[in-house]
């Protein structure tokens, strides 16, 4: 479980933020796309979904997951494996100007 959580911490936050901007939560489709992009999944995929979905969205997909892990413990597993960089992971929204500057728009 720890190994899976470490992979989710390593690959998913940056991918989600780069592709959909910062957000407190993402959609199920966005998280699924990130998992597919990195070829991640497996038995403990509930950790990834819990880390990035609202509790209501997580509960909707929970029956489809290979192993059901309660929402808060799954989020805690993600944060615990993140170390100092992601230990208190919160998606931070970025402004339109910040997003545009990343892609040299308007310059």
PDB file of N, CA and C in Angstrom:
ATOM      1  N   UNK A   1       0.833  -1.188   0.000  1.00  0.00           N
ATOM      2  CA  UNK A   1       0.000   0.000   0.000  1.00  0.00           C
ATOM      3  C   UNK A   1       0.876   1.250   0.000  1.00  0.00           C
ATOM      4  N   UNK A   2       1.950   1.222   0.773  1.00  0.00           N
ATOM      5  CA  UNK A   2       2.843   2.385   0.823  1.00  0.00           C
ATOM      6  C   UNK A   2       3.495   2.647  -0.532  1.00  0.00           C
ATOM      7  N   UNK A   3       3.898   1.587  -1.197  1.00  0.00           N
ATOM      8  CA  UNK A   3       4.539   1.734  -2.506  1.00  0.00           C
ATOM      9  C   UNK A   3       3.566   2.367  -3.511  1.00  0.00           C
ATOM     10  N   UNK A   4       2.340   1.917  -3.500  1.00  0.00           N
ATOM     11  CA  UNK A   4       1.333   2.482  -4.401  1.00  0.00           C
ATOM     12  C   UNK A   4       1.100   3.955  -4.075  1.00  0.00           C
ATOM     13  N   UNK A   5       0.971   4.276  -2.803  1.00  0.00           N
ATOM     14  CA  UNK A   5       0.747   5.667  -2.395  1.00  0.00           C
ATOM     15  C   UNK A   5       1.904   6.557  -2.845  1.00  0.00           C
ATOM     16  N   UNK A   6       3.134   6.053  -2.725  1.00  0.00           N
ATOM     17  CA  UNK A   6       4.295   6.838  -3.155  1.00  0.00           C
ATOM     18  C   UNK A   6       4.240   7.137  -4.654  1.00  0.00           C
ATOM     19  N   UNK A   7       3.799   6.173  -5.440  1.00  0.00           N
ATOM     20  CA  UNK A   7       3.688   6.414  -6.888  1.00  0.00           C
ATOM     21  C   UNK A   7       2.631   7.469  -7.191  1.00  0.00           C
ATOM     22  N   UNK A   8       1.510   7.395  -6.496  1.00  0.00           N
ATOM     23  CA  UNK A   8       0.459   8.386  -6.714  1.00  0.00           C
ATOM     24  C   UNK A   8       0.952   9.781  -6.333  1.00  0.00           C
ATOM     25  N   UNK A   9       1.679   9.869  -5.236  1.00  0.00           N
ATOM     26  CA  UNK A   9       2.227  11.158  -4.784  1.00  0.00           C
ATOM     27  C   UNK A   9       3.234  11.697  -5.794  1.00  0.00           C
ATOM     28  N   UNK A  10       4.022  10.813  -6.354  1.00  0.00           N
ATOM     29  CA  UNK A  10       5.083  11.234  -7.277  1.00  0.00           C
ATOM     30  C   UNK A  10       4.529  11.753  -8.600  1.00  0.00           C
ATOM     31  N   UNK A  11       3.518  11.092  -9.145  1.00  0.00           N
ATOM     32  CA  UNK A  11       3.087  11.396 -10.502  1.00  0.00           C
ATOM     33  C   UNK A  11       1.807  12.229 -10.632  1.00  0.00           C
ATOM     34  N   UNK A  12       0.852  12.023  -9.779  1.00  0.00           N
ATOM     35  CA  UNK A  12      -0.467  12.608 -10.019  1.00  0.00           C
ATOM     36  C   UNK A  12      -0.612  14.099  -9.738  1.00  0.00           C
ATOM     37  N   UNK A  13      -0.107  14.629  -8.615  1.00  0.00           N
ATOM     38  CA  UNK A  13      -0.358  16.059  -8.344  1.00  0.00           C
ATOM     39  C   UNK A  13       0.119  16.987  -9.453  1.00  0.00           C
ATOM     40  N   UNK A  14       1.330  16.800  -9.909  1.00  0.00           N
ATOM     41  CA  UNK A  14       1.860  17.662 -10.963  1.00  0.00           C
ATOM     42  C   UNK A  14       1.108  17.528 -12.267  1.00  0.00           C
ATOM     43  N   UNK A  15       0.734  16.299 -12.609  1.00  0.00           N
ATOM     44  CA  UNK A  15      -0.001  16.064 -13.854  1.00  0.00           C
ATOM     45  C   UNK A  15      -1.378  16.725 -13.808  1.00  0.00           C
ATOM     46  N   UNK A  16      -2.079  16.546 -12.711  1.00  0.00           N
ATOM     47  CA  UNK A  16      -3.409  17.144 -12.586  1.00  0.00           C
ATOM     48  C   UNK A  16      -3.340  18.663 -12.635  1.00  0.00           C
ATOM     49  N   UNK A  17      -2.385  19.227 -11.918  1.00  0.00           N
ATOM     50  CA  UNK A  17      -2.282  20.683 -11.890  1.00  0.00           C
ATOM     51  C   UNK A  17      -1.838  21.228 -13.247  1.00  0.00           C
ATOM     52  N   UNK A  18      -0.935  20.547 -13.910  1.00  0.00           N
ATOM     53  CA  UNK A  18      -0.464  21.021 -15.213  1.00  0.00           C
ATOM     54  C   UNK A  18      -1.564  20.960 -16.267  1.00  0.00           C
ATOM     55  N   UNK A  19      -2.424  19.971 -16.176  1.00  0.00           N
ATOM     56  CA  UNK A  19      -3.445  19.787 -17.210  1.00  0.00           C
ATOM     57  C   UNK A  19      -4.774  20.460 -16.903  1.00  0.00           C
ATOM     58  N   UNK A  20      -5.118  20.606 -15.628  1.00  0.00           N
ATOM     59  CA  UNK A  20      -6.425  21.173 -15.289  1.00  0.00           C
ATOM     60  C   UNK A  20      -6.331  22.312 -14.277  1.00  0.00           C
ATOM     61  N   UNK A  21      -5.138  22.789 -14.011  1.00  0.00           N
ATOM     62  CA  UNK A  21      -4.974  23.874 -13.065  1.00  0.00           C
ATOM     63  C   UNK A  21      -5.139  23.401 -11.636  1.00  0.00           C
ATOM     64  N   UNK A  22      -4.853  24.282 -10.722  1.00  0.00           N
ATOM     65  CA  UNK A  22      -5.005  23.943  -9.314  1.00  0.00           C
ATOM     66  C   UNK A  22      -6.464  23.922  -8.926  1.00  0.00           C
ATOM     67  N   UNK A  23      -6.809  22.997  -8.075  1.00  0.00           N
ATOM     68  CA  UNK A  23      -8.182  22.886  -7.635  1.00  0.00           C
ATOM     69  C   UNK A  23      -8.208  22.155  -6.305  1.00  0.00           C
ATOM     70  N   UNK A  24      -9.186  22.464  -5.506  1.00  0.00           N
ATOM     71  CA  UNK A  24      -9.323  21.741  -4.248  1.00  0.00           C
ATOM     72  C   UNK A  24      -9.649  20.276  -4.529  1.00  0.00           C
ATOM     73  N   UNK A  25     -10.490  20.036  -5.534  1.00  0.00           N
ATOM     74  CA  UNK A  25     -10.852  18.680  -5.948  1.00  0.00           C
ATOM     75  C   UNK A  25     -10.860  18.621  -7.462  1.00  0.00           C
ATOM     76  N   UNK A  26     -10.702  17.434  -7.984  1.00  0.00           N
ATOM     77  CA  UNK A  26     -10.791  17.194  -9.415  1.00  0.00           C
ATOM     78  C   UNK A  26     -11.968  16.268  -9.677  1.00  0.00           C
ATOM     79  N   UNK A  27     -12.292  16.062 -10.946  1.00  0.00           N
ATOM     80  CA  UNK A  27     -13.383  15.163 -11.290  1.00  0.00           C
ATOM     81  C   UNK A  27     -12.861  13.732 -11.374  1.00  0.00           C
ATOM     82  N   UNK A  28     -13.782  12.804 -11.336  1.00  0.00           N
ATOM     83  CA  UNK A  28     -13.411  11.402 -11.467  1.00  0.00           C
ATOM     84  C   UNK A  28     -12.715  11.169 -12.801  1.00  0.00           C
ATOM     85  N   UNK A  29     -13.209  11.770 -13.854  1.00  0.00           N
ATOM     86  CA  UNK A  29     -12.612  11.626 -15.178  1.00  0.00           C
ATOM     87  C   UNK A  29     -11.194  12.168 -15.249  1.00  0.00           C
ATOM     88  N   UNK A  30     -10.948  13.282 -14.591  1.00  0.00           N
ATOM     89  CA  UNK A  30      -9.601  13.854 -14.587  1.00  0.00           C
ATOM     90  C   UNK A  30      -8.620  12.943 -13.848  1.00  0.00           C
ATOM     91  N   UNK A  31      -9.040  12.429 -12.719  1.00  0.00           N
ATOM     92  CA  UNK A  31      -8.172  11.523 -11.958  1.00  0.00           C
ATOM     93  C   UNK A  31      -7.936  10.249 -12.760  1.00  0.00           C
ATOM     94  N   UNK A  32      -8.981   9.727 -13.377  1.00  0.00           N
ATOM     95  CA  UNK A  32      -8.844   8.513 -14.192  1.00  0.00           C
ATOM     96  C   UNK A  32      -7.887   8.764 -15.363  1.00  0.00           C
ATOM     97  N   UNK A  33      -7.979   9.929 -15.994  1.00  0.00           N
ATOM     98  CA  UNK A  33      -7.080  10.265 -17.102  1.00  0.00           C
ATOM     99  C   UNK A  33      -5.631  10.326 -16.634  1.00  0.00           C
ATOM    100  N   UNK A  34      -5.403  10.899 -15.460  1.00  0.00           N
ATOM    101  CA  UNK A  34      -4.044  10.966 -14.914  1.00  0.00           C
ATOM    102  C   UNK A  34      -3.514   9.565 -14.607  1.00  0.00           C
ATOM    103  N   UNK A  35      -4.346   8.735 -14.025  1.00  0.00           N
ATOM    104  CA  UNK A  35      -3.936   7.356 -13.735  1.00  0.00           C
ATOM    105  C   UNK A  35      -3.621   6.609 -15.028  1.00  0.00           C
ATOM    106  N   UNK A  36      -4.455   6.782 -16.046  1.00  0.00           N
ATOM    107  CA  UNK A  36      -4.223   6.123 -17.333  1.00  0.00           C
ATOM    108  C   UNK A  36      -2.945   6.619 -17.995  1.00  0.00           C
ATOM    109  N   UNK A  37      -2.714   7.934 -17.913  1.00  0.00           N
ATOM    110  CA  UNK A  37      -1.516   8.514 -18.523  1.00  0.00           C
ATOM    111  C   UNK A  37      -0.249   7.873 -17.962  1.00  0.00           C
ATOM    112  N   UNK A  38      -0.206   7.682 -16.665  1.00  0.00           N
ATOM    113  CA  UNK A  38       0.980   7.121 -16.010  1.00  0.00           C
ATOM    114  C   UNK A  38       0.908   5.600 -15.869  1.00  0.00           C
ATOM    115  N   UNK A  39      -0.134   4.989 -16.405  1.00  0.00           N
ATOM    116  CA  UNK A  39      -0.322   3.527 -16.309  1.00  0.00           C
ATOM    117  C   UNK A  39      -0.318   3.072 -14.855  1.00  0.00           C
ATOM    118  N   UNK A  40      -1.034   3.824 -14.041  1.00  0.00           N
ATOM    119  CA  UNK A  40      -1.150   3.494 -12.619  1.00  0.00           C
ATOM    120  C   UNK A  40      -2.539   2.935 -12.354  1.00  0.00           C
ATOM    121  N   UNK A  41      -2.651   2.192 -11.350  1.00  0.00           N
ATOM    122  CA  UNK A  41      -3.933   1.607 -10.962  1.00  0.00           C
ATOM    123  C   UNK A  41      -3.651   0.623  -9.843  1.00  0.00           C
ATOM    124  N   UNK A  42      -4.177  -0.547  -9.976  1.00  0.00           N
ATOM    125  CA  UNK A  42      -3.901  -1.599  -9.018  1.00  0.00           C
ATOM    126  C   UNK A  42      -4.867  -1.635  -7.859  1.00  0.00           C
ATOM    127  N   UNK A  43      -4.527  -2.474  -6.944  1.00  0.00           N
ATOM    128  CA  UNK A  43      -5.397  -2.765  -5.808  1.00  0.00           C
ATOM    129  C   UNK A  43      -5.685  -1.545  -4.940  1.00  0.00           C
ATOM    130  N   UNK A  44      -4.724  -0.658  -4.801  1.00  0.00           N
ATOM    131  CA  UNK A  44      -4.854   0.475  -3.875  1.00  0.00           C
ATOM    132  C   UNK A  44      -5.190   1.797  -4.567  1.00  0.00           C
ATOM    133  N   UNK A  45      -5.794   1.734  -5.732  1.00  0.00           N
ATOM    134  CA  UNK A  45      -6.127   2.940  -6.481  1.00  0.00           C
ATOM    135  C   UNK A  45      -7.096   3.846  -5.710  1.00  0.00           C
ATOM    136  N   UNK A  46      -7.766   3.315  -4.719  1.00  0.00           N
ATOM    137  CA  UNK A  46      -8.660   4.128  -3.887  1.00  0.00           C
ATOM    138  C   UNK A  46      -7.908   5.291  -3.247  1.00  0.00           C
ATOM    139  N   UNK A  47      -6.633   5.106  -2.963  1.00  0.00           N
ATOM    140  CA  UNK A  47      -5.821   6.179  -2.371  1.00  0.00           C
ATOM    141  C   UNK A  47      -5.759   7.369  -3.317  1.00  0.00           C
ATOM    142  N   UNK A  48      -5.540   7.110  -4.589  1.00  0.00           N
ATOM    143  CA  UNK A  48      -5.457   8.189  -5.572  1.00  0.00           C
ATOM    144  C   UNK A  48      -6.785   8.913  -5.715  1.00  0.00           C
ATOM    145  N   UNK A  49      -7.855   8.161  -5.797  1.00  0.00           N
ATOM    146  CA  UNK A  49      -9.170   8.796  -5.938  1.00  0.00           C
ATOM    147  C   UNK A  49      -9.532   9.604  -4.689  1.00  0.00           C
ATOM    148  N   UNK A  50      -9.266   9.064  -3.525  1.00  0.00           N
ATOM    149  CA  UNK A  50      -9.596   9.784  -2.294  1.00  0.00           C
ATOM    150  C   UNK A  50      -8.777  11.066  -2.151  1.00  0.00           C
ATOM    151  N   UNK A  51      -7.542  11.040  -2.626  1.00  0.00           N
ATOM    152  CA  UNK A  51      -6.676  12.215  -2.505  1.00  0.00           C
ATOM    153  C   UNK A  51      -7.184  13.399  -3.316  1.00  0.00           C
ATOM    154  N   UNK A  52      -7.855  13.124  -4.431  1.00  0.00           N
ATOM    155  CA  UNK A  52      -8.200  14.203  -5.353  1.00  0.00           C
ATOM    156  C   UNK A  52      -9.685  14.422  -5.570  1.00  0.00           C
ATOM    157  N   UNK A  53     -10.530  13.538  -5.052  1.00  0.00           N
ATOM    158  CA  UNK A  53     -11.978  13.702  -5.210  1.00  0.00           C
ATOM    159  C   UNK A  53     -12.607  14.208  -3.921  1.00  0.00           C
ATOM    160  N   UNK A  54     -13.755  14.855  -4.056  1.00  0.00           N
ATOM    161  CA  UNK A  54     -14.528  15.193  -2.863  1.00  0.00           C
ATOM    162  C   UNK A  54     -15.048  13.887  -2.272  1.00  0.00           C
ATOM    163  N   UNK A  55     -15.446  13.926  -1.027  1.00  0.00           N
ATOM    164  CA  UNK A  55     -15.937  12.709  -0.386  1.00  0.00           C
ATOM    165  C   UNK A  55     -17.179  12.166  -1.097  1.00  0.00           C
ATOM    166  N   UNK A  56     -18.052  13.052  -1.544  1.00  0.00           N
ATOM    167  CA  UNK A  56     -19.268  12.618  -2.242  1.00  0.00           C
ATOM    168  C   UNK A  56     -18.921  11.911  -3.556  1.00  0.00           C
ATOM    169  N   UNK A  57     -17.982  12.481  -4.320  1.00  0.00           N
ATOM    170  CA  UNK A  57     -17.573  11.853  -5.581  1.00  0.00           C
ATOM    171  C   UNK A  57     -16.879  10.515  -5.326  1.00  0.00           C
ATOM    172  N   UNK A  58     -16.072  10.477  -4.283  1.00  0.00           N
ATOM    173  CA  UNK A  58     -15.378   9.235  -3.938  1.00  0.00           C
ATOM    174  C   UNK A  58     -16.383   8.137  -3.597  1.00  0.00           C
ATOM    175  N   UNK A  59     -17.399   8.473  -2.830  1.00  0.00           N
ATOM    176  CA  UNK A  59     -18.390   7.472  -2.429  1.00  0.00           C
ATOM    177  C   UNK A  59     -19.182   6.948  -3.638  1.00  0.00           C
ATOM    178  N   UNK A  60     -19.331   7.771  -4.682  1.00  0.00           N
ATOM    179  CA  UNK A  60     -20.017   7.325  -5.894  1.00  0.00           C
ATOM    180  C   UNK A  60     -19.241   6.235  -6.627  1.00  0.00           C
ATOM    181  N   UNK A  61     -17.909   6.373  -6.678  1.00  0.00           N
ATOM    182  CA  UNK A  61     -17.115   5.388  -7.420  1.00  0.00           C
ATOM    183  C   UNK A  61     -16.587   4.258  -6.544  1.00  0.00           C
ATOM    184  N   UNK A  62     -16.704   4.395  -5.241  1.00  0.00           N
ATOM    185  CA  UNK A  62     -16.140   3.401  -4.312  1.00  0.00           C
ATOM    186  C   UNK A  62     -16.547   1.965  -4.623  1.00  0.00           C
ATOM    187  N   UNK A  63     -17.805   1.694  -4.977  1.00  0.00           N
ATOM    188  CA  UNK A  63     -18.170   0.298  -5.265  1.00  0.00           C
ATOM    189  C   UNK A  63     -17.435  -0.308  -6.470  1.00  0.00           C
ATOM    190  N   UNK A  64     -16.924   0.535  -7.360  1.00  0.00           N
ATOM    191  CA  UNK A  64     -16.220   0.056  -8.550  1.00  0.00           C
ATOM    192  C   UNK A  64     -14.749  -0.248  -8.285  1.00  0.00           C
ATOM    193  N   UNK A  65     -14.212   0.202  -7.162  1.00  0.00           N
ATOM    194  CA  UNK A  65     -12.786   0.070  -6.883  1.00  0.00           C
ATOM    195  C   UNK A  65     -12.432  -1.348  -6.459  1.00  0.00           C
ATOM    196  N   UNK A  66     -11.203  -1.785  -6.801  1.00  0.00           N
ATOM    197  CA  UNK A  66     -10.802  -3.146  -6.452  1.00  0.00           C
ATOM    198  C   UNK A  66     -10.756  -3.405  -4.944  1.00  0.00           C
ATOM    199  N   UNK A  67     -10.377  -2.401  -4.180  1.00  0.00           N
ATOM    200  CA  UNK A  67     -10.315  -2.523  -2.727  1.00  0.00           C
ATOM    201  C   UNK A  67     -10.882  -1.239  -2.138  1.00  0.00           C
ATOM    202  N   UNK A  68     -11.921  -1.376  -1.356  1.00  0.00           N
ATOM    203  CA  UNK A  68     -12.537  -0.191  -0.759  1.00  0.00           C
ATOM    204  C   UNK A  68     -11.770   0.197   0.494  1.00  0.00           C
ATOM    205  N   UNK A  69     -11.312   1.424   0.501  1.00  0.00           N
ATOM    206  CA  UNK A  69     -10.645   2.008   1.667  1.00  0.00           C
ATOM    207  C   UNK A  69     -11.477   3.219   2.051  1.00  0.00           C
ATOM    208  N   UNK A  70     -11.760   3.384   3.322  1.00  0.00           N
ATOM    209  CA  UNK A  70     -12.536   4.538   3.770  1.00  0.00           C
ATOM    210  C   UNK A  70     -11.844   5.826   3.321  1.00  0.00           C
ATOM    211  N   UNK A  71     -12.641   6.859   3.076  1.00  0.00           N
ATOM    212  CA  UNK A  71     -12.155   8.115   2.501  1.00  0.00           C
ATOM    213  C   UNK A  71     -11.011   8.737   3.307  1.00  0.00           C
ATOM    214  N   UNK A  72     -11.218   8.996   4.579  1.00  0.00           N
ATOM    215  CA  UNK A  72     -10.188   9.672   5.378  1.00  0.00           C
ATOM    216  C   UNK A  72      -8.903   8.856   5.517  1.00  0.00           C
ATOM    217  N   UNK A  73      -8.965   7.553   5.799  1.00  0.00           N
ATOM    218  CA  UNK A  73      -7.724   6.774   5.850  1.00  0.00           C
ATOM    219  C   UNK A  73      -6.985   6.729   4.506  1.00  0.00           C
ATOM    220  N   UNK A  74      -7.716   6.720   3.415  1.00  0.00           N
ATOM    221  CA  UNK A  74      -7.066   6.717   2.107  1.00  0.00           C
ATOM    222  C   UNK A  74      -6.355   8.050   1.857  1.00  0.00           C
ATOM    223  N   UNK A  75      -7.015   9.157   2.203  1.00  0.00           N
ATOM    224  CA  UNK A  75      -6.362  10.474   2.071  1.00  0.00           C
ATOM    225  C   UNK A  75      -5.139  10.571   2.984  1.00  0.00           C
ATOM    226  N   UNK A  76      -5.262  10.022   4.178  1.00  0.00           N
ATOM    227  CA  UNK A  76      -4.140  10.046   5.125  1.00  0.00           C
ATOM    228  C   UNK A  76      -2.957   9.244   4.583  1.00  0.00           C
ATOM    229  N   UNK A  77      -3.223   8.129   3.932  1.00  0.00           N
ATOM    230  CA  UNK A  77      -2.148   7.323   3.345  1.00  0.00           C
ATOM    231  C   UNK A  77      -1.411   8.114   2.273  1.00  0.00           C
ATOM    232  N   UNK A  78      -2.150   8.871   1.468  1.00  0.00           N
ATOM    233  CA  UNK A  78      -1.533   9.712   0.441  1.00  0.00           C
ATOM    234  C   UNK A  78      -0.631  10.759   1.085  1.00  0.00           C
ATOM    235  N   UNK A  79      -1.141  11.452   2.078  1.00  0.00           N
ATOM    236  CA  UNK A  79      -0.376  12.514   2.739  1.00  0.00           C
ATOM    237  C   UNK A  79       0.835  11.956   3.488  1.00  0.00           C
ATOM    238  N   UNK A  80       0.662  10.833   4.121  1.00  0.00           N
ATOM    239  CA  UNK A  80       1.748  10.211   4.884  1.00  0.00           C
ATOM    240  C   UNK A  80       2.923   9.858   3.985  1.00  0.00           C
ATOM    241  N   UNK A  81       2.652   9.385   2.794  1.00  0.00           N
ATOM    242  CA  UNK A  81       3.724   8.985   1.886  1.00  0.00           C
ATOM    243  C   UNK A  81       4.325  10.161   1.136  1.00  0.00           C
ATOM    244  N   UNK A  82       3.686  11.311   1.235  1.00  0.00           N
ATOM    245  CA  UNK A  82       4.185  12.470   0.525  1.00  0.00           C
ATOM    246  C   UNK A  82       5.381  13.125   1.164  1.00  0.00           C
ATOM    247  N   UNK A  83       5.687  12.787   2.391  1.00  0.00           N
ATOM    248  CA  UNK A  83       6.816  13.412   3.065  1.00  0.00           C
ATOM    249  C   UNK A  83       6.607  14.901   3.224  1.00  0.00           C
ATOM    250  N   UNK A  84       7.685  15.633   3.290  1.00  0.00           N
ATOM    251  CA  UNK A  84       7.586  17.063   3.539  1.00  0.00           C
ATOM    252  C   UNK A  84       6.985  17.813   2.360  1.00  0.00           C
ATOM    253  N   UNK A  85       7.188  17.301   1.136  1.00  0.00           N
ATOM    254  CA  UNK A  85       6.671  18.020  -0.034  1.00  0.00           C
ATOM    255  C   UNK A  85       5.156  17.917  -0.141  1.00  0.00           C
ATOM    256  N   UNK A  86       4.583  16.729   0.067  1.00  0.00           N
ATOM    257  CA  UNK A  86       3.169  16.535  -0.138  1.00  0.00           C
ATOM    258  C   UNK A  86       2.450  16.128   1.132  1.00  0.00           C
ATOM    259  N   UNK A  87       3.096  16.159   2.271  1.00  0.00           N
ATOM    260  CA  UNK A  87       2.487  15.705   3.510  1.00  0.00           C
ATOM    261  C   UNK A  87       1.204  16.424   3.861  1.00  0.00           C
ATOM    262  N   UNK A  88       1.133  17.677   3.532  1.00  0.00           N
ATOM    263  CA  UNK A  88      -0.091  18.449   3.780  1.00  0.00           C
ATOM    264  C   UNK A  88      -0.612  18.934   2.441  1.00  0.00           C
ATOM    265  N   UNK A  89      -0.697  18.036   1.497  1.00  0.00           N
ATOM    266  CA  UNK A  89      -1.034  18.396   0.121  1.00  0.00           C
ATOM    267  C   UNK A  89      -2.389  19.069   0.026  1.00  0.00           C
ATOM    268  N   UNK A  90      -2.384  20.224  -0.557  1.00  0.00           N
ATOM    269  CA  UNK A  90      -3.617  20.941  -0.880  1.00  0.00           C
ATOM    270  C   UNK A  90      -3.417  21.492  -2.287  1.00  0.00           C
ATOM    271  N   UNK A  91      -4.364  21.229  -3.137  1.00  0.00           N
ATOM    272  CA  UNK A  91      -4.287  21.782  -4.474  1.00  0.00           C
ATOM    273  C   UNK A  91      -4.519  23.280  -4.377  1.00  0.00           C
ATOM    274  N   UNK A  92      -3.648  24.044  -4.985  1.00  0.00           N
ATOM    275  CA  UNK A  92      -3.755  25.496  -4.907  1.00  0.00           C
ATOM    276  C   UNK A  92      -4.204  26.051  -6.254  1.00  0.00           C
ATOM    277  N   UNK A  93      -5.328  26.732  -6.295  1.00  0.00           N
ATOM    278  CA  UNK A  93      -5.772  27.317  -7.559  1.00  0.00           C
ATOM    279  C   UNK A  93      -4.757  28.336  -8.073  1.00  0.00           C
ATOM    280  N   UNK A  94      -4.632  28.420  -9.392  1.00  0.00           N
ATOM    281  CA  UNK A  94      -3.766  29.424  -9.985  1.00  0.00           C
ATOM    282  C   UNK A  94      -4.648  30.389 -10.770  1.00  0.00           C
ATOM    283  N   UNK A  95      -4.144  31.584 -10.940  1.00  0.00           N
ATOM    284  CA  UNK A  95      -4.907  32.593 -11.670  1.00  0.00           C
ATOM    285  C   UNK A  95      -4.760  32.369 -13.170  1.00  0.00           C
ATOM    286  N   UNK A  96      -5.602  33.024 -13.942  1.00  0.00           N
ATOM    287  CA  UNK A  96      -5.497  32.946 -15.398  1.00  0.00           C
ATOM    288  C   UNK A  96      -4.148  33.485 -15.869  1.00  0.00           C
ATOM    289  N   UNK A  97      -3.659  34.521 -15.224  1.00  0.00           N
ATOM    290  CA  UNK A  97      -2.379  35.110 -15.605  1.00  0.00           C
ATOM    291  C   UNK A  97      -1.242  34.124 -15.365  1.00  0.00           C
ATOM    292  N   UNK A  98      -1.281  33.410 -14.229  1.00  0.00           N
ATOM    293  CA  UNK A  98      -0.256  32.417 -13.945  1.00  0.00           C
ATOM    294  C   UNK A  98      -0.289  31.300 -14.978  1.00  0.00           C
ATOM    295  N   UNK A  99      -1.476  30.852 -15.318  1.00  0.00           N
ATOM    296  CA  UNK A  99      -1.606  29.778 -16.307  1.00  0.00           C
ATOM    297  C   UNK A  99      -1.102  30.239 -17.662  1.00  0.00           C
ATOM    298  N   UNK A 100      -1.465  31.459 -18.057  1.00  0.00           N
ATOM    299  CA  UNK A 100      -1.033  31.984 -19.357  1.00  0.00           C
ATOM    300  C   UNK A 100       0.474  32.150 -19.403  1.00  0.00           C
ATOM    301  N   UNK A 101       1.079  32.577 -18.327  1.00  0.00           N
ATOM    302  CA  UNK A 101       2.529  32.794 -18.322  1.00  0.00           C
ATOM    303  C   UNK A 101       3.289  31.481 -18.455  1.00  0.00           C
ATOM    304  N   UNK A 102       2.696  30.390 -18.050  1.00  0.00           N
ATOM    305  CA  UNK A 102       3.356  29.086 -18.177  1.00  0.00           C
ATOM    306  C   UNK A 102       3.470  28.665 -19.629  1.00  0.00           C
ATOM    307  N   UNK A 103       2.593  29.168 -20.468  1.00  0.00           N
ATOM    308  CA  UNK A 103       2.579  28.767 -21.866  1.00  0.00           C
ATOM    309  C   UNK A 103       2.920  29.929 -22.782  1.00  0.00           C
ATOM    310  N   UNK A 104       3.477  30.985 -22.232  1.00  0.00           N
ATOM    311  CA  UNK A 104       3.922  32.156 -22.966  1.00  0.00           C
ATOM    312  C   UNK A 104       2.814  32.777 -23.809  1.00  0.00           C
ATOM    313  N   UNK A 105       1.600  32.671 -23.336  1.00  0.00           N
ATOM    314  CA  UNK A 105       0.466  33.256 -24.060  1.00  0.00           C
ATOM    315  C   UNK A 105       0.539  34.779 -23.981  1.00  0.00           C
ATOM    316  N   UNK A 106       0.290  35.410 -25.064  1.00  0.00           N
ATOM    317  CA  UNK A 106       0.243  36.859 -25.108  1.00  0.00           C
ATOM    318  C   UNK A 106       1.596  37.526 -25.125  1.00  0.00           C
ATOM    319  N   UNK A 107       2.684  36.740 -25.244  1.00  0.00           N
ATOM    320  CA  UNK A 107       3.989  37.381 -25.283  1.00  0.00           C
ATOM    321  C   UNK A 107       4.554  37.432 -26.673  1.00  0.00           C
TER     322      UNK A 107
END
